[in-house]
Amino acid sequence: MSQRTCPITRSQFASEAKPLPVQLNGSSVIADAREFSTGSLGWYHNGKTTVQIGGVQVWVQIGVTVTVIGSKELPKDPPADAKVA
């Protein structure tokens, strides 16, 4: 698989990324934008819902991770209090 370059900066993602609606089996959940511990940028949702199997409702756990390809390699933003020379 070829490597892709992320076309945005971390600060662009932080200021512009909106919550992401995700449809699962007729239910809508909202994944929140975040920076993962790995350094990648994306959206995440964790929750529970019910799914019908053969007429029986069962509880299921939802884990959704949507990652911006190439975002892990983006340079870190300088601290807000960094002095410009």
PDB file of N, CA and C in Angstrom:
ATOM      1  N   MET A   1       0.840  -1.172   0.000  1.00  0.00           N
ATOM      2  CA  MET A   1       0.000   0.000   0.000  1.00  0.00           C
ATOM      3  C   MET A   1       0.888   1.241   0.000  1.00  0.00           C
ATOM      4  N   SER A   2       0.550   2.210  -0.795  1.00  0.00           N
ATOM      5  CA  SER A   2       1.365   3.418  -0.891  1.00  0.00           C
ATOM      6  C   SER A   2       1.104   4.347   0.292  1.00  0.00           C
ATOM      7  N   GLN A   3       2.145   5.045   0.697  1.00  0.00           N
ATOM      8  CA  GLN A   3       2.043   6.014   1.789  1.00  0.00           C
ATOM      9  C   GLN A   3       1.380   7.281   1.273  1.00  0.00           C
ATOM     10  N   ARG A   4       0.511   7.866   2.045  1.00  0.00           N
ATOM     11  CA  ARG A   4      -0.172   9.103   1.660  1.00  0.00           C
ATOM     12  C   ARG A   4       0.288  10.229   2.570  1.00  0.00           C
ATOM     13  N   THR A   5       0.361  11.420   2.013  1.00  0.00           N
ATOM     14  CA  THR A   5       0.707  12.602   2.783  1.00  0.00           C
ATOM     15  C   THR A   5      -0.579  13.282   3.228  1.00  0.00           C
ATOM     16  N   CYS A   6      -0.643  13.651   4.487  1.00  0.00           N
ATOM     17  CA  CYS A   6      -1.826  14.329   5.012  1.00  0.00           C
ATOM     18  C   CYS A   6      -1.804  15.780   4.532  1.00  0.00           C
ATOM     19  N   PRO A   7      -2.878  16.259   3.898  1.00  0.00           N
ATOM     20  CA  PRO A   7      -2.880  17.595   3.299  1.00  0.00           C
ATOM     21  C   PRO A   7      -3.244  18.732   4.258  1.00  0.00           C
ATOM     22  N   ILE A   8      -3.446  18.439   5.544  1.00  0.00           N
ATOM     23  CA  ILE A   8      -3.772  19.494   6.504  1.00  0.00           C
ATOM     24  C   ILE A   8      -2.760  19.486   7.642  1.00  0.00           C
ATOM     25  N   THR A   9      -2.797  20.525   8.461  1.00  0.00           N
ATOM     26  CA  THR A   9      -1.934  20.589   9.641  1.00  0.00           C
ATOM     27  C   THR A   9      -2.731  20.151  10.869  1.00  0.00           C
ATOM     28  N   ARG A  10      -2.016  19.903  11.946  1.00  0.00           N
ATOM     29  CA  ARG A  10      -2.673  19.542  13.203  1.00  0.00           C
ATOM     30  C   ARG A  10      -3.589  20.671  13.675  1.00  0.00           C
ATOM     31  N   SER A  11      -3.123  21.914  13.542  1.00  0.00           N
ATOM     32  CA  SER A  11      -3.948  23.037  14.000  1.00  0.00           C
ATOM     33  C   SER A  11      -5.196  23.197  13.128  1.00  0.00           C
ATOM     34  N   GLN A  12      -5.090  22.921  11.825  1.00  0.00           N
ATOM     35  CA  GLN A  12      -6.282  22.954  10.965  1.00  0.00           C
ATOM     36  C   GLN A  12      -7.291  21.900  11.412  1.00  0.00           C
ATOM     37  N   PHE A  13      -6.800  20.706  11.694  1.00  0.00           N
ATOM     38  CA  PHE A  13      -7.691  19.641  12.159  1.00  0.00           C
ATOM     39  C   PHE A  13      -8.361  20.051  13.466  1.00  0.00           C
ATOM     40  N   ALA A  14      -7.575  20.555  14.413  1.00  0.00           N
ATOM     41  CA  ALA A  14      -8.112  20.930  15.725  1.00  0.00           C
ATOM     42  C   ALA A  14      -9.180  22.010  15.617  1.00  0.00           C
ATOM     43  N   SER A  15      -8.992  22.958  14.712  1.00  0.00           N
ATOM     44  CA  SER A  15      -9.951  24.058  14.623  1.00  0.00           C
ATOM     45  C   SER A  15     -11.117  23.778  13.675  1.00  0.00           C
ATOM     46  N   GLU A  16     -10.945  22.897  12.709  1.00  0.00           N
ATOM     47  CA  GLU A  16     -11.966  22.708  11.676  1.00  0.00           C
ATOM     48  C   GLU A  16     -12.716  21.375  11.712  1.00  0.00           C
ATOM     49  N   ALA A  17     -12.152  20.336  12.312  1.00  0.00           N
ATOM     50  CA  ALA A  17     -12.803  19.018  12.305  1.00  0.00           C
ATOM     51  C   ALA A  17     -14.069  19.052  13.161  1.00  0.00           C
ATOM     52  N   LYS A  18     -15.158  18.639  12.599  1.00  0.00           N
ATOM     53  CA  LYS A  18     -16.458  18.604  13.272  1.00  0.00           C
ATOM     54  C   LYS A  18     -16.782  17.173  13.687  1.00  0.00           C
ATOM     55  N   PRO A  19     -17.691  17.002  14.663  1.00  0.00           N
ATOM     56  CA  PRO A  19     -18.128  15.646  15.007  1.00  0.00           C
ATOM     57  C   PRO A  19     -18.640  14.928  13.753  1.00  0.00           C
ATOM     58  N   LEU A  20     -18.387  13.633  13.686  1.00  0.00           N
ATOM     59  CA  LEU A  20     -18.683  12.842  12.497  1.00  0.00           C
ATOM     60  C   LEU A  20     -19.859  11.895  12.768  1.00  0.00           C
ATOM     61  N   PRO A  21     -21.015  12.101  12.101  1.00  0.00           N
ATOM     62  CA  PRO A  21     -22.127  11.169  12.291  1.00  0.00           C
ATOM     63  C   PRO A  21     -21.830   9.841  11.590  1.00  0.00           C
ATOM     64  N   VAL A  22     -22.109   8.737  12.294  1.00  0.00           N
ATOM     65  CA  VAL A  22     -21.862   7.397  11.755  1.00  0.00           C
ATOM     66  C   VAL A  22     -23.166   6.607  11.881  1.00  0.00           C
ATOM     67  N   GLN A  23     -23.601   5.995  10.796  1.00  0.00           N
ATOM     68  CA  GLN A  23     -24.805   5.173  10.791  1.00  0.00           C
ATOM     69  C   GLN A  23     -24.435   3.710  10.999  1.00  0.00           C
ATOM     70  N   LEU A  24     -25.052   3.078  12.005  1.00  0.00           N
ATOM     71  CA  LEU A  24     -24.814   1.667  12.296  1.00  0.00           C
ATOM     72  C   LEU A  24     -26.150   0.960  12.486  1.00  0.00           C
ATOM     73  N   ASN A  25     -26.488   0.104  11.564  1.00  0.00           N
ATOM     74  CA  ASN A  25     -27.699  -0.703  11.679  1.00  0.00           C
ATOM     75  C   ASN A  25     -28.943   0.149  11.945  1.00  0.00           C
ATOM     76  N   GLY A  26     -29.010   1.290  11.272  1.00  0.00           N
ATOM     77  CA  GLY A  26     -30.167   2.159  11.426  1.00  0.00           C
ATOM     78  C   GLY A  26     -30.074   3.145  12.580  1.00  0.00           C
ATOM     79  N   SER A  27     -29.036   3.030  13.397  1.00  0.00           N
ATOM     80  CA  SER A  27     -28.833   3.965  14.503  1.00  0.00           C
ATOM     81  C   SER A  27     -27.726   4.933  14.134  1.00  0.00           C
ATOM     82  N   SER A  28     -27.861   6.155  14.610  1.00  0.00           N
ATOM     83  CA  SER A  28     -26.835   7.154  14.353  1.00  0.00           C
ATOM     84  C   SER A  28     -26.061   7.421  15.633  1.00  0.00           C
ATOM     85  N   VAL A  29     -24.737   7.405  15.532  1.00  0.00           N
ATOM     86  CA  VAL A  29     -23.876   7.785  16.650  1.00  0.00           C
ATOM     87  C   VAL A  29     -22.978   8.912  16.163  1.00  0.00           C
ATOM     88  N   ILE A  30     -22.446   9.670  17.084  1.00  0.00           N
ATOM     89  CA  ILE A  30     -21.577  10.786  16.747  1.00  0.00           C
ATOM     90  C   ILE A  30     -20.172  10.486  17.241  1.00  0.00           C
ATOM     91  N   ALA A  31     -19.211  10.452  16.314  1.00  0.00           N
ATOM     92  CA  ALA A  31     -17.801  10.251  16.671  1.00  0.00           C
ATOM     93  C   ALA A  31     -17.158  11.626  16.828  1.00  0.00           C
ATOM     94  N   ASP A  32     -16.469  11.828  17.944  1.00  0.00           N
ATOM     95  CA  ASP A  32     -15.830  13.109  18.226  1.00  0.00           C
ATOM     96  C   ASP A  32     -14.421  13.163  17.657  1.00  0.00           C
ATOM     97  N   ALA A  33     -14.042  14.338  17.148  1.00  0.00           N
ATOM     98  CA  ALA A  33     -12.688  14.539  16.624  1.00  0.00           C
ATOM     99  C   ALA A  33     -11.707  14.518  17.787  1.00  0.00           C
ATOM    100  N   ARG A  34     -10.522  13.930  17.553  1.00  0.00           N
ATOM    101  CA  ARG A  34      -9.524  13.854  18.607  1.00  0.00           C
ATOM    102  C   ARG A  34      -8.152  13.548  18.043  1.00  0.00           C
ATOM    103  N   GLU A  35      -7.135  13.727  18.866  1.00  0.00           N
ATOM    104  CA  GLU A  35      -5.792  13.258  18.556  1.00  0.00           C
ATOM    105  C   GLU A  35      -5.568  12.029  19.414  1.00  0.00           C
ATOM    106  N   PHE A  36      -5.244  10.910  18.770  1.00  0.00           N
ATOM    107  CA  PHE A  36      -5.037   9.657  19.477  1.00  0.00           C
ATOM    108  C   PHE A  36      -3.668   9.639  20.153  1.00  0.00           C
ATOM    109  N   SER A  37      -3.491   8.750  21.112  1.00  0.00           N
ATOM    110  CA  SER A  37      -2.215   8.647  21.834  1.00  0.00           C
ATOM    111  C   SER A  37      -1.058   8.299  20.901  1.00  0.00           C
ATOM    112  N   THR A  38      -1.363   7.727  19.746  1.00  0.00           N
ATOM    113  CA  THR A  38      -0.329   7.381  18.761  1.00  0.00           C
ATOM    114  C   THR A  38       0.177   8.602  17.997  1.00  0.00           C
ATOM    115  N   GLY A  39      -0.561   9.732  18.112  1.00  0.00           N
ATOM    116  CA  GLY A  39      -0.228  10.933  17.355  1.00  0.00           C
ATOM    117  C   GLY A  39      -1.086  11.110  16.118  1.00  0.00           C
ATOM    118  N   SER A  40      -1.856  10.083  15.758  1.00  0.00           N
ATOM    119  CA  SER A  40      -2.760  10.186  14.605  1.00  0.00           C
ATOM    120  C   SER A  40      -3.957  11.059  14.954  1.00  0.00           C
ATOM    121  N   LEU A  41      -4.554  11.653  13.923  1.00  0.00           N
ATOM    122  CA  LEU A  41      -5.751  12.462  14.076  1.00  0.00           C
ATOM    123  C   LEU A  41      -6.945  11.701  13.527  1.00  0.00           C
ATOM    124  N   GLY A  42      -8.119  11.946  14.096  1.00  0.00           N
ATOM    125  CA  GLY A  42      -9.307  11.277  13.580  1.00  0.00           C
ATOM    126  C   GLY A  42     -10.503  11.462  14.481  1.00  0.00           C
ATOM    127  N   TRP A  43     -11.418  10.489  14.438  1.00  0.00           N
ATOM    128  CA  TRP A  43     -12.662  10.530  15.191  1.00  0.00           C
ATOM    129  C   TRP A  43     -12.827   9.224  15.942  1.00  0.00           C
ATOM    130  N   TYR A  44     -13.537   9.309  17.088  1.00  0.00           N
ATOM    131  CA  TYR A  44     -13.706   8.125  17.930  1.00  0.00           C
ATOM    132  C   TYR A  44     -15.076   8.139  18.606  1.00  0.00           C
ATOM    133  N   HIS A  45     -15.671   6.967  18.690  1.00  0.00           N
ATOM    134  CA  HIS A  45     -16.916   6.800  19.454  1.00  0.00           C
ATOM    135  C   HIS A  45     -16.904   5.421  20.095  1.00  0.00           C
ATOM    136  N   ASN A  46     -17.394   5.368  21.323  1.00  0.00           N
ATOM    137  CA  ASN A  46     -17.553   4.114  22.043  1.00  0.00           C
ATOM    138  C   ASN A  46     -18.911   4.157  22.725  1.00  0.00           C
ATOM    139  N   GLY A  47     -19.698   3.119  22.590  1.00  0.00           N
ATOM    140  CA  GLY A  47     -21.011   3.096  23.225  1.00  0.00           C
ATOM    141  C   GLY A  47     -21.672   1.735  23.088  1.00  0.00           C
ATOM    142  N   LYS A  48     -22.952   1.685  23.424  1.00  0.00           N
ATOM    143  CA  LYS A  48     -23.711   0.442  23.334  1.00  0.00           C
ATOM    144  C   LYS A  48     -25.060   0.726  22.687  1.00  0.00           C
ATOM    145  N   THR A  49     -25.596  -0.297  22.022  1.00  0.00           N
ATOM    146  CA  THR A  49     -26.917  -0.216  21.416  1.00  0.00           C
ATOM    147  C   THR A  49     -27.472  -1.626  21.319  1.00  0.00           C
ATOM    148  N   THR A  50     -28.661  -1.744  20.778  1.00  0.00           N
ATOM    149  CA  THR A  50     -29.232  -3.077  20.583  1.00  0.00           C
ATOM    150  C   THR A  50     -29.302  -3.395  19.089  1.00  0.00           C
ATOM    151  N   VAL A  51     -29.201  -4.669  18.792  1.00  0.00           N
ATOM    152  CA  VAL A  51     -29.316  -5.186  17.427  1.00  0.00           C
ATOM    153  C   VAL A  51     -30.278  -6.370  17.493  1.00  0.00           C
ATOM    154  N   GLN A  52     -31.127  -6.484  16.495  1.00  0.00           N
ATOM    155  CA  GLN A  52     -32.068  -7.598  16.461  1.00  0.00           C
ATOM    156  C   GLN A  52     -31.471  -8.749  15.665  1.00  0.00           C
ATOM    157  N   ILE A  53     -31.484  -9.922  16.288  1.00  0.00           N
ATOM    158  CA  ILE A  53     -30.999 -11.149  15.638  1.00  0.00           C
ATOM    159  C   ILE A  53     -32.114 -12.185  15.731  1.00  0.00           C
ATOM    160  N   GLY A  54     -32.696 -12.532  14.588  1.00  0.00           N
ATOM    161  CA  GLY A  54     -33.772 -13.530  14.577  1.00  0.00           C
ATOM    162  C   GLY A  54     -34.935 -13.157  15.466  1.00  0.00           C
ATOM    163  N   GLY A  55     -35.266 -11.862  15.517  1.00  0.00           N
ATOM    164  CA  GLY A  55     -36.388 -11.401  16.325  1.00  0.00           C
ATOM    165  C   GLY A  55     -36.049 -11.157  17.789  1.00  0.00           C
ATOM    166  N   VAL A  56     -34.793 -11.364  18.166  1.00  0.00           N
ATOM    167  CA  VAL A  56     -34.371 -11.163  19.553  1.00  0.00           C
ATOM    168  C   VAL A  56     -33.430  -9.965  19.628  1.00  0.00           C
ATOM    169  N   GLN A  57     -33.701  -9.053  20.573  1.00  0.00           N
ATOM    170  CA  GLN A  57     -32.827  -7.888  20.773  1.00  0.00           C
ATOM    171  C   GLN A  57     -31.620  -8.310  21.621  1.00  0.00           C
ATOM    172  N   VAL A  58     -30.427  -7.992  21.136  1.00  0.00           N
ATOM    173  CA  VAL A  58     -29.203  -8.254  21.903  1.00  0.00           C
ATOM    174  C   VAL A  58     -28.430  -6.944  22.057  1.00  0.00           C
ATOM    175  N   TRP A  59     -27.764  -6.775  23.196  1.00  0.00           N
ATOM    176  CA  TRP A  59     -26.911  -5.606  23.416  1.00  0.00           C
ATOM    177  C   TRP A  59     -25.584  -5.826  22.722  1.00  0.00           C
ATOM    178  N   VAL A  60     -25.096  -4.789  22.058  1.00  0.00           N
ATOM    179  CA  VAL A  60     -23.789  -4.841  21.410  1.00  0.00           C
ATOM    180  C   VAL A  60     -22.979  -3.620  21.829  1.00  0.00           C
ATOM    181  N   GLN A  61     -21.691  -3.780  21.823  1.00  0.00           N
ATOM    182  CA  GLN A  61     -20.801  -2.663  22.113  1.00  0.00           C
ATOM    183  C   GLN A  61     -20.267  -2.121  20.805  1.00  0.00           C
ATOM    184  N   ILE A  62     -20.211  -0.794  20.704  1.00  0.00           N
ATOM    185  CA  ILE A  62     -19.736  -0.118  19.491  1.00  0.00           C
ATOM    186  C   ILE A  62     -18.384   0.512  19.774  1.00  0.00           C
ATOM    187  N   GLY A  63     -17.454   0.300  18.881  1.00  0.00           N
ATOM    188  CA  GLY A  63     -16.166   0.986  18.921  1.00  0.00           C
ATOM    189  C   GLY A  63     -15.846   1.448  17.512  1.00  0.00           C
ATOM    190  N   VAL A  64     -15.835   2.764  17.294  1.00  0.00           N
ATOM    191  CA  VAL A  64     -15.576   3.310  15.968  1.00  0.00           C
ATOM    192  C   VAL A  64     -14.328   4.185  16.030  1.00  0.00           C
ATOM    193  N   THR A  65     -13.364   3.881  15.189  1.00  0.00           N
ATOM    194  CA  THR A  65     -12.168   4.696  15.054  1.00  0.00           C
ATOM    195  C   THR A  65     -12.005   5.030  13.584  1.00  0.00           C
ATOM    196  N   VAL A  66     -11.962   6.314  13.269  1.00  0.00           N
ATOM    197  CA  VAL A  66     -11.750   6.788  11.899  1.00  0.00           C
ATOM    198  C   VAL A  66     -10.470   7.614  11.937  1.00  0.00           C
ATOM    199  N   THR A  67      -9.461   7.168  11.201  1.00  0.00           N
ATOM    200  CA  THR A  67      -8.140   7.802  11.261  1.00  0.00           C
ATOM    201  C   THR A  67      -7.815   8.511   9.959  1.00  0.00           C
ATOM    202  N   VAL A  68      -7.297   9.734  10.064  1.00  0.00           N
ATOM    203  CA  VAL A  68      -6.839  10.487   8.893  1.00  0.00           C
ATOM    204  C   VAL A  68      -5.507   9.876   8.454  1.00  0.00           C
ATOM    205  N   ILE A  69      -5.471   9.316   7.258  1.00  0.00           N
ATOM    206  CA  ILE A  69      -4.272   8.659   6.751  1.00  0.00           C
ATOM    207  C   ILE A  69      -3.140   9.672   6.629  1.00  0.00           C
ATOM    208  N   GLY A  70      -1.981   9.302   7.162  1.00  0.00           N
ATOM    209  CA  GLY A  70      -0.799  10.158   7.096  1.00  0.00           C
ATOM    210  C   GLY A  70      -0.702  11.168   8.223  1.00  0.00           C
ATOM    211  N   SER A  71      -1.715  11.259   9.086  1.00  0.00           N
ATOM    212  CA  SER A  71      -1.701  12.286  10.130  1.00  0.00           C
ATOM    213  C   SER A  71      -0.689  12.002  11.234  1.00  0.00           C
ATOM    214  N   LYS A  72      -0.353  10.763  11.447  1.00  0.00           N
ATOM    215  CA  LYS A  72       0.626  10.415  12.487  1.00  0.00           C
ATOM    216  C   LYS A  72       1.982  11.053  12.205  1.00  0.00           C
ATOM    217  N   GLU A  73       2.314  11.209  10.937  1.00  0.00           N
ATOM    218  CA  GLU A  73       3.610  11.756  10.544  1.00  0.00           C
ATOM    219  C   GLU A  73       3.643  13.280  10.513  1.00  0.00           C
ATOM    220  N   LEU A  74       2.517  13.936  10.741  1.00  0.00           N
ATOM    221  CA  LEU A  74       2.500  15.400  10.733  1.00  0.00           C
ATOM    222  C   LEU A  74       3.401  15.941  11.840  1.00  0.00           C
ATOM    223  N   PRO A  75       4.111  17.053  11.570  1.00  0.00           N
ATOM    224  CA  PRO A  75       4.925  17.640  12.632  1.00  0.00           C
ATOM    225  C   PRO A  75       4.030  18.156  13.754  1.00  0.00           C
ATOM    226  N   LYS A  76       4.556  18.102  14.966  1.00  0.00           N
ATOM    227  CA  LYS A  76       3.828  18.634  16.117  1.00  0.00           C
ATOM    228  C   LYS A  76       3.780  20.144  16.011  1.00  0.00           C
ATOM    229  N   ASP A  77       2.672  20.753  16.440  1.00  0.00           N
ATOM    230  CA  ASP A  77       2.565  22.206  16.460  1.00  0.00           C
ATOM    231  C   ASP A  77       3.437  22.754  17.581  1.00  0.00           C
ATOM    232  N   PRO A  78       4.079  23.910  17.357  1.00  0.00           N
ATOM    233  CA  PRO A  78       4.876  24.497  18.428  1.00  0.00           C
ATOM    234  C   PRO A  78       3.959  24.945  19.560  1.00  0.00           C
ATOM    235  N   PRO A  79       4.467  24.956  20.806  1.00  0.00           N
ATOM    236  CA  PRO A  79       3.639  25.417  21.924  1.00  0.00           C
ATOM    237  C   PRO A  79       3.165  26.847  21.691  1.00  0.00           C
ATOM    238  N   ALA A  80       1.977  27.161  22.194  1.00  0.00           N
ATOM    239  CA  ALA A  80       1.388  28.489  21.981  1.00  0.00           C
ATOM    240  C   ALA A  80       2.250  29.596  22.555  1.00  0.00           C
ATOM    241  N   ASP A  81       3.031  29.307  23.592  1.00  0.00           N
ATOM    242  CA  ASP A  81       3.847  30.344  24.230  1.00  0.00           C
ATOM    243  C   ASP A  81       5.281  30.383  23.680  1.00  0.00           C
ATOM    244  N   ALA A  82       5.536  29.638  22.591  1.00  0.00           N
ATOM    245  CA  ALA A  82       6.884  29.644  22.002  1.00  0.00           C
ATOM    246  C   ALA A  82       7.189  31.009  21.420  1.00  0.00           C
ATOM    247  N   LYS A  83       8.389  31.474  21.661  1.00  0.00           N
ATOM    248  CA  LYS A  83       8.776  32.790  21.169  1.00  0.00           C
ATOM    249  C   LYS A  83       9.296  32.694  19.739  1.00  0.00           C
ATOM    250  N   VAL A  84       8.891  33.638  18.928  1.00  0.00           N
ATOM    251  CA  VAL A  84       9.327  33.682  17.536  1.00  0.00           C
ATOM    252  C   VAL A  84      10.556  34.580  17.467  1.00  0.00           C
ATOM    253  N   ALA A  85      11.617  34.077  16.825  1.00  0.00           N
ATOM    254  CA  ALA A  85      12.859  34.847  16.741  1.00  0.00           C
ATOM    255  C   ALA A  85      12.803  35.885  15.644  1.00  0.00           C
TER     256      ALA A  85
END
